[in-house]
N, C-alpha and C. Protein backbone atom coordinates (compact mmCIF):
# COMPACT_ATOMS: atom_id res chain seq x y z
N MET A 1 -33.28 3.13 -33.01
CA MET A 1 -33.10 2.57 -34.33
C MET A 1 -32.61 3.64 -35.30
N LEU A 2 -33.17 4.81 -35.28
CA LEU A 2 -32.79 5.85 -36.22
C LEU A 2 -31.69 6.70 -35.61
N GLY A 3 -30.58 6.79 -36.32
CA GLY A 3 -29.42 7.52 -35.82
C GLY A 3 -29.58 9.03 -35.98
N ASP A 4 -28.47 9.68 -36.20
CA ASP A 4 -28.42 11.13 -36.33
C ASP A 4 -29.10 11.56 -37.63
N LEU A 5 -30.28 12.15 -37.54
CA LEU A 5 -31.05 12.53 -38.73
C LEU A 5 -30.34 13.57 -39.58
N THR A 6 -29.46 14.36 -38.99
CA THR A 6 -28.77 15.38 -39.79
C THR A 6 -27.84 14.74 -40.81
N LEU A 7 -27.36 13.53 -40.55
CA LEU A 7 -26.52 12.84 -41.53
C LEU A 7 -27.30 12.48 -42.79
N TRP A 8 -28.60 12.29 -42.62
CA TRP A 8 -29.43 11.94 -43.78
C TRP A 8 -29.49 13.08 -44.79
N PHE A 9 -29.58 14.30 -44.29
CA PHE A 9 -29.85 15.44 -45.16
C PHE A 9 -28.63 16.31 -45.42
N ASP A 10 -27.50 16.02 -44.79
CA ASP A 10 -26.31 16.83 -44.95
C ASP A 10 -25.10 15.94 -45.22
N PRO A 11 -24.99 15.41 -46.45
CA PRO A 11 -23.88 14.51 -46.74
C PRO A 11 -22.52 15.20 -46.62
N GLU A 12 -22.48 16.50 -46.78
CA GLU A 12 -21.22 17.23 -46.63
C GLU A 12 -20.68 17.07 -45.22
N ARG A 13 -21.55 17.05 -44.24
CA ARG A 13 -21.13 16.89 -42.85
C ARG A 13 -20.43 15.54 -42.65
N SER A 14 -20.94 14.51 -43.29
CA SER A 14 -20.36 13.19 -43.18
C SER A 14 -18.97 13.15 -43.80
N SER A 15 -18.76 13.88 -44.90
CA SER A 15 -17.47 13.85 -45.58
C SER A 15 -16.38 14.57 -44.82
N LYS A 16 -16.73 15.32 -43.77
CA LYS A 16 -15.74 16.02 -42.96
C LYS A 16 -15.25 15.16 -41.80
N VAL A 17 -15.81 13.98 -41.63
CA VAL A 17 -15.46 13.10 -40.53
C VAL A 17 -14.49 12.04 -41.04
N GLY A 18 -13.43 11.78 -40.30
CA GLY A 18 -12.51 10.70 -40.63
C GLY A 18 -11.83 10.87 -41.97
N THR A 19 -11.51 9.74 -42.60
CA THR A 19 -10.84 9.74 -43.90
C THR A 19 -11.76 9.15 -44.95
N THR A 20 -11.54 9.53 -46.18
CA THR A 20 -12.36 9.05 -47.28
C THR A 20 -12.08 7.57 -47.52
N PRO A 21 -13.12 6.73 -47.47
CA PRO A 21 -12.90 5.29 -47.72
C PRO A 21 -12.69 5.04 -49.22
N ASP A 22 -12.23 3.86 -49.52
CA ASP A 22 -12.12 3.43 -50.92
C ASP A 22 -13.50 3.61 -51.57
N TYR A 23 -13.54 4.21 -52.72
CA TYR A 23 -14.83 4.51 -53.37
C TYR A 23 -15.65 3.27 -53.62
N ARG A 24 -14.98 2.12 -53.79
CA ARG A 24 -15.74 0.88 -54.03
C ARG A 24 -16.61 0.52 -52.85
N PHE A 25 -16.13 0.81 -51.63
CA PHE A 25 -16.93 0.52 -50.44
C PHE A 25 -18.11 1.48 -50.33
N SER A 26 -17.86 2.74 -50.68
CA SER A 26 -18.97 3.71 -50.66
C SER A 26 -20.04 3.34 -51.69
N LEU A 27 -19.59 2.90 -52.86
CA LEU A 27 -20.55 2.51 -53.89
C LEU A 27 -21.30 1.23 -53.49
N ALA A 28 -20.62 0.30 -52.83
CA ALA A 28 -21.30 -0.91 -52.34
C ALA A 28 -22.35 -0.53 -51.29
N ASN A 29 -22.00 0.41 -50.42
CA ASN A 29 -22.96 0.89 -49.43
C ASN A 29 -24.17 1.51 -50.12
N GLU A 30 -23.92 2.26 -51.17
CA GLU A 30 -25.03 2.89 -51.91
C GLU A 30 -25.90 1.84 -52.60
N ARG A 31 -25.28 0.79 -53.15
CA ARG A 31 -26.06 -0.28 -53.79
C ARG A 31 -26.94 -1.00 -52.76
N THR A 32 -26.40 -1.20 -51.57
CA THR A 32 -27.19 -1.82 -50.51
C THR A 32 -28.38 -0.93 -50.16
N PHE A 33 -28.13 0.37 -50.06
CA PHE A 33 -29.21 1.33 -49.80
C PHE A 33 -30.29 1.21 -50.88
N LEU A 34 -29.87 1.18 -52.13
CA LEU A 34 -30.84 1.10 -53.23
C LEU A 34 -31.63 -0.21 -53.20
N ALA A 35 -30.98 -1.30 -52.80
CA ALA A 35 -31.70 -2.58 -52.69
C ALA A 35 -32.78 -2.50 -51.61
N TRP A 36 -32.46 -1.86 -50.48
CA TRP A 36 -33.46 -1.69 -49.42
C TRP A 36 -34.59 -0.78 -49.88
N ILE A 37 -34.26 0.26 -50.64
CA ILE A 37 -35.31 1.15 -51.15
C ILE A 37 -36.23 0.38 -52.09
N ARG A 38 -35.66 -0.47 -52.95
CA ARG A 38 -36.50 -1.29 -53.84
C ARG A 38 -37.41 -2.21 -53.03
N THR A 39 -36.90 -2.76 -51.95
CA THR A 39 -37.72 -3.61 -51.09
C THR A 39 -38.87 -2.81 -50.49
N GLY A 40 -38.56 -1.61 -50.00
CA GLY A 40 -39.60 -0.74 -49.45
C GLY A 40 -40.66 -0.39 -50.49
N LEU A 41 -40.21 -0.07 -51.70
CA LEU A 41 -41.16 0.25 -52.77
C LEU A 41 -42.03 -0.95 -53.14
N ALA A 42 -41.43 -2.15 -53.13
CA ALA A 42 -42.21 -3.36 -53.43
C ALA A 42 -43.28 -3.59 -52.37
N LEU A 43 -42.93 -3.37 -51.10
CA LEU A 43 -43.92 -3.53 -50.04
C LEU A 43 -45.04 -2.50 -50.17
N ILE A 44 -44.68 -1.27 -50.50
CA ILE A 44 -45.70 -0.23 -50.70
C ILE A 44 -46.60 -0.58 -51.89
N ALA A 45 -45.99 -1.04 -52.98
CA ALA A 45 -46.78 -1.44 -54.15
C ALA A 45 -47.71 -2.60 -53.80
N GLY A 46 -47.20 -3.55 -52.99
CA GLY A 46 -48.05 -4.66 -52.55
C GLY A 46 -49.21 -4.19 -51.70
N GLY A 47 -48.95 -3.20 -50.83
CA GLY A 47 -50.03 -2.65 -50.01
C GLY A 47 -51.10 -1.98 -50.85
N LEU A 48 -50.66 -1.22 -51.84
CA LEU A 48 -51.63 -0.57 -52.74
C LEU A 48 -52.39 -1.59 -53.57
N ALA A 49 -51.69 -2.64 -54.03
CA ALA A 49 -52.36 -3.68 -54.81
C ALA A 49 -53.41 -4.41 -53.97
N CYS A 50 -53.07 -4.69 -52.72
CA CYS A 50 -54.05 -5.34 -51.83
C CYS A 50 -55.29 -4.47 -51.65
N ALA A 51 -55.07 -3.19 -51.45
CA ALA A 51 -56.19 -2.27 -51.23
C ALA A 51 -57.08 -2.18 -52.47
N GLN A 52 -56.49 -2.26 -53.64
CA GLN A 52 -57.26 -2.06 -54.86
C GLN A 52 -57.82 -3.34 -55.48
N PHE A 53 -57.09 -4.45 -55.35
CA PHE A 53 -57.44 -5.62 -56.16
C PHE A 53 -57.86 -6.86 -55.37
N LEU A 54 -57.58 -6.91 -54.09
CA LEU A 54 -58.03 -8.08 -53.32
C LEU A 54 -59.54 -8.03 -53.14
N PRO A 55 -60.20 -9.16 -53.33
CA PRO A 55 -61.64 -9.18 -53.04
C PRO A 55 -61.83 -9.13 -51.52
N PRO A 56 -63.03 -8.81 -51.09
CA PRO A 56 -63.28 -8.84 -49.64
C PRO A 56 -62.96 -10.23 -49.08
N LEU A 57 -62.28 -10.26 -47.96
CA LEU A 57 -61.88 -11.52 -47.34
C LEU A 57 -62.89 -11.90 -46.27
N PRO A 58 -62.90 -13.17 -45.84
CA PRO A 58 -63.92 -13.63 -44.90
C PRO A 58 -63.87 -12.92 -43.54
N ILE A 59 -62.70 -12.43 -43.18
CA ILE A 59 -62.57 -11.70 -41.91
C ILE A 59 -62.76 -10.22 -42.23
N GLU A 60 -63.68 -9.60 -41.50
CA GLU A 60 -64.02 -8.20 -41.79
C GLU A 60 -62.78 -7.30 -41.69
N HIS A 61 -62.59 -6.46 -42.68
CA HIS A 61 -61.51 -5.47 -42.77
C HIS A 61 -60.11 -6.07 -42.87
N LEU A 62 -60.00 -7.39 -43.14
CA LEU A 62 -58.68 -8.01 -43.26
C LEU A 62 -57.90 -7.42 -44.44
N ARG A 63 -58.59 -7.18 -45.53
CA ARG A 63 -57.93 -6.60 -46.71
C ARG A 63 -57.31 -5.25 -46.36
N GLU A 64 -58.05 -4.41 -45.65
CA GLU A 64 -57.54 -3.09 -45.29
C GLU A 64 -56.38 -3.19 -44.28
N ILE A 65 -56.48 -4.14 -43.36
CA ILE A 65 -55.40 -4.34 -42.38
C ILE A 65 -54.12 -4.77 -43.09
N ILE A 66 -54.24 -5.72 -44.02
CA ILE A 66 -53.07 -6.17 -44.78
C ILE A 66 -52.46 -5.01 -45.54
N SER A 67 -53.30 -4.23 -46.19
CA SER A 67 -52.82 -3.09 -46.97
C SER A 67 -52.06 -2.10 -46.10
N ILE A 68 -52.64 -1.74 -44.99
CA ILE A 68 -52.00 -0.76 -44.10
C ILE A 68 -50.69 -1.30 -43.55
N LEU A 69 -50.68 -2.58 -43.16
CA LEU A 69 -49.44 -3.16 -42.63
C LEU A 69 -48.33 -3.16 -43.68
N LEU A 70 -48.67 -3.50 -44.92
CA LEU A 70 -47.66 -3.49 -45.98
C LEU A 70 -47.16 -2.07 -46.25
N LEU A 71 -48.07 -1.11 -46.25
CA LEU A 71 -47.66 0.28 -46.47
C LEU A 71 -46.75 0.78 -45.35
N LEU A 72 -47.10 0.47 -44.12
CA LEU A 72 -46.27 0.87 -42.98
C LEU A 72 -44.91 0.19 -43.01
N LEU A 73 -44.90 -1.09 -43.33
CA LEU A 73 -43.65 -1.82 -43.40
C LEU A 73 -42.75 -1.26 -44.52
N GLY A 74 -43.34 -0.91 -45.64
CA GLY A 74 -42.56 -0.31 -46.73
C GLY A 74 -41.94 1.02 -46.33
N GLY A 75 -42.71 1.84 -45.62
CA GLY A 75 -42.16 3.10 -45.13
C GLY A 75 -41.06 2.90 -44.12
N LEU A 76 -41.23 1.92 -43.23
CA LEU A 76 -40.21 1.61 -42.23
C LEU A 76 -38.92 1.13 -42.89
N VAL A 77 -39.05 0.29 -43.91
CA VAL A 77 -37.87 -0.20 -44.62
C VAL A 77 -37.12 0.96 -45.28
N ALA A 78 -37.85 1.89 -45.87
CA ALA A 78 -37.19 3.04 -46.50
C ALA A 78 -36.45 3.89 -45.48
N LEU A 79 -37.07 4.14 -44.33
CA LEU A 79 -36.39 4.91 -43.29
C LEU A 79 -35.17 4.17 -42.76
N ARG A 80 -35.31 2.87 -42.59
CA ARG A 80 -34.19 2.07 -42.09
C ARG A 80 -33.06 2.06 -43.10
N ALA A 81 -33.38 2.07 -44.39
CA ALA A 81 -32.35 2.06 -45.43
C ALA A 81 -31.46 3.30 -45.35
N VAL A 82 -32.06 4.46 -45.23
CA VAL A 82 -31.26 5.68 -45.20
C VAL A 82 -30.47 5.77 -43.90
N ASP A 83 -31.05 5.30 -42.81
CA ASP A 83 -30.33 5.32 -41.54
C ASP A 83 -29.12 4.40 -41.59
N HIS A 84 -29.31 3.21 -42.13
CA HIS A 84 -28.19 2.27 -42.22
C HIS A 84 -27.11 2.80 -43.17
N TRP A 85 -27.51 3.38 -44.27
CA TRP A 85 -26.54 3.95 -45.21
C TRP A 85 -25.68 5.01 -44.51
N ALA A 86 -26.32 5.93 -43.78
CA ALA A 86 -25.58 7.01 -43.11
C ALA A 86 -24.65 6.46 -42.03
N ARG A 87 -25.13 5.51 -41.23
CA ARG A 87 -24.30 4.95 -40.16
C ARG A 87 -23.13 4.14 -40.72
N THR A 88 -23.36 3.43 -41.82
CA THR A 88 -22.29 2.65 -42.44
C THR A 88 -21.24 3.57 -43.06
N GLU A 89 -21.68 4.61 -43.73
CA GLU A 89 -20.73 5.56 -44.33
C GLU A 89 -19.87 6.20 -43.25
N ARG A 90 -20.48 6.58 -42.16
CA ARG A 90 -19.73 7.19 -41.05
C ARG A 90 -18.74 6.20 -40.45
N ALA A 91 -19.15 4.95 -40.26
CA ALA A 91 -18.26 3.94 -39.70
C ALA A 91 -17.06 3.69 -40.62
N MET A 92 -17.29 3.66 -41.92
CA MET A 92 -16.18 3.46 -42.86
C MET A 92 -15.20 4.63 -42.79
N ARG A 93 -15.71 5.83 -42.67
CA ARG A 93 -14.84 7.01 -42.60
C ARG A 93 -14.03 7.03 -41.31
N LEU A 94 -14.61 6.53 -40.23
CA LEU A 94 -13.92 6.54 -38.94
C LEU A 94 -13.05 5.29 -38.73
N GLY A 95 -13.19 4.31 -39.63
CA GLY A 95 -12.39 3.10 -39.51
C GLY A 95 -12.82 2.21 -38.35
N VAL A 96 -14.09 2.26 -38.00
CA VAL A 96 -14.61 1.42 -36.92
C VAL A 96 -15.45 0.30 -37.52
N ASP A 97 -15.84 -0.66 -36.66
CA ASP A 97 -16.68 -1.76 -37.13
C ASP A 97 -17.97 -1.22 -37.74
N LEU A 98 -18.42 -1.91 -38.78
CA LEU A 98 -19.69 -1.52 -39.40
C LEU A 98 -20.83 -1.79 -38.43
N PRO A 99 -21.90 -0.99 -38.52
CA PRO A 99 -23.03 -1.18 -37.59
C PRO A 99 -23.70 -2.53 -37.81
N ARG A 100 -24.03 -3.16 -36.72
CA ARG A 100 -24.76 -4.42 -36.77
C ARG A 100 -26.25 -4.11 -36.80
N SER A 101 -27.01 -5.03 -37.40
CA SER A 101 -28.44 -4.79 -37.47
C SER A 101 -29.19 -6.11 -37.41
N ARG A 102 -30.25 -6.10 -36.63
CA ARG A 102 -31.17 -7.24 -36.58
C ARG A 102 -32.33 -7.03 -37.56
N PHE A 103 -32.36 -5.88 -38.19
CA PHE A 103 -33.50 -5.53 -39.04
C PHE A 103 -33.75 -6.55 -40.15
N PRO A 104 -32.73 -7.04 -40.88
CA PRO A 104 -33.04 -8.04 -41.92
C PRO A 104 -33.72 -9.29 -41.36
N ALA A 105 -33.27 -9.77 -40.21
CA ALA A 105 -33.90 -10.95 -39.61
C ALA A 105 -35.33 -10.65 -39.17
N VAL A 106 -35.54 -9.48 -38.57
CA VAL A 106 -36.88 -9.10 -38.13
C VAL A 106 -37.81 -8.97 -39.34
N LEU A 107 -37.32 -8.32 -40.41
CA LEU A 107 -38.12 -8.16 -41.61
C LEU A 107 -38.48 -9.53 -42.21
N ALA A 108 -37.52 -10.44 -42.25
CA ALA A 108 -37.79 -11.79 -42.78
C ALA A 108 -38.86 -12.50 -41.96
N LEU A 109 -38.78 -12.38 -40.64
CA LEU A 109 -39.79 -13.01 -39.78
C LEU A 109 -41.16 -12.39 -39.99
N VAL A 110 -41.22 -11.08 -40.10
CA VAL A 110 -42.50 -10.40 -40.31
C VAL A 110 -43.12 -10.83 -41.64
N VAL A 111 -42.31 -10.91 -42.68
CA VAL A 111 -42.81 -11.33 -43.99
C VAL A 111 -43.28 -12.78 -43.93
N ALA A 112 -42.52 -13.65 -43.25
CA ALA A 112 -42.93 -15.06 -43.13
C ALA A 112 -44.23 -15.20 -42.36
N VAL A 113 -44.38 -14.48 -41.26
CA VAL A 113 -45.62 -14.52 -40.48
C VAL A 113 -46.78 -13.99 -41.31
N GLY A 114 -46.53 -12.93 -42.07
CA GLY A 114 -47.57 -12.39 -42.95
C GLY A 114 -47.99 -13.39 -44.01
N ALA A 115 -47.02 -14.11 -44.56
CA ALA A 115 -47.33 -15.12 -45.57
C ALA A 115 -48.18 -16.24 -44.97
N VAL A 116 -47.84 -16.68 -43.78
CA VAL A 116 -48.63 -17.73 -43.11
C VAL A 116 -50.05 -17.23 -42.84
N ALA A 117 -50.16 -15.99 -42.39
CA ALA A 117 -51.49 -15.43 -42.13
C ALA A 117 -52.32 -15.36 -43.41
N LEU A 118 -51.70 -15.01 -44.51
CA LEU A 118 -52.42 -14.97 -45.78
C LEU A 118 -52.83 -16.37 -46.25
N ILE A 119 -51.97 -17.33 -46.02
CA ILE A 119 -52.31 -18.71 -46.38
C ILE A 119 -53.54 -19.16 -45.59
N VAL A 120 -53.57 -18.85 -44.31
CA VAL A 120 -54.72 -19.20 -43.47
C VAL A 120 -55.97 -18.49 -43.99
N ALA A 121 -55.85 -17.20 -44.34
CA ALA A 121 -57.01 -16.45 -44.84
C ALA A 121 -57.54 -17.06 -46.14
N VAL A 122 -56.64 -17.47 -47.01
CA VAL A 122 -57.06 -18.09 -48.28
C VAL A 122 -57.73 -19.43 -48.01
N LEU A 123 -57.15 -20.22 -47.11
CA LEU A 123 -57.77 -21.52 -46.81
C LEU A 123 -59.14 -21.36 -46.17
N VAL A 124 -59.31 -20.36 -45.32
CA VAL A 124 -60.61 -20.11 -44.71
C VAL A 124 -61.63 -19.73 -45.79
N GLN A 125 -61.19 -18.97 -46.77
CA GLN A 125 -62.09 -18.54 -47.84
C GLN A 125 -62.47 -19.73 -48.76
N VAL A 126 -61.52 -20.63 -48.99
CA VAL A 126 -61.76 -21.76 -49.87
C VAL A 126 -62.68 -22.79 -49.23
N PHE A 127 -62.48 -23.03 -47.94
CA PHE A 127 -63.25 -24.08 -47.25
C PHE A 127 -64.36 -23.45 -46.52
């Protein structure tokens, strides 16, 4: 999943490969990166909010499990964002197809499953 880590920390190296793409494409790639970072930060904030503000749930340690899962997912999204940004920038410079990713679909499924699990936890607490 994670490509060449040196591309993350050495943008000069990336600029020596291929030809410079139209700046609008590079800026669009950067905006996509920033959107993924915001998503990661929102997941991390949700994890911290769960840890601090959720009352104890009927299943022992469920609150802590939810918090940890959200924090881990937020960190994973941030790492995936920088990896995708670097791979996309490199592909644009080399004039090859942009990298494909199943990550958005996987993330959507994980969030949906998490939402269903929380609905079940709330219903168990209510009834």
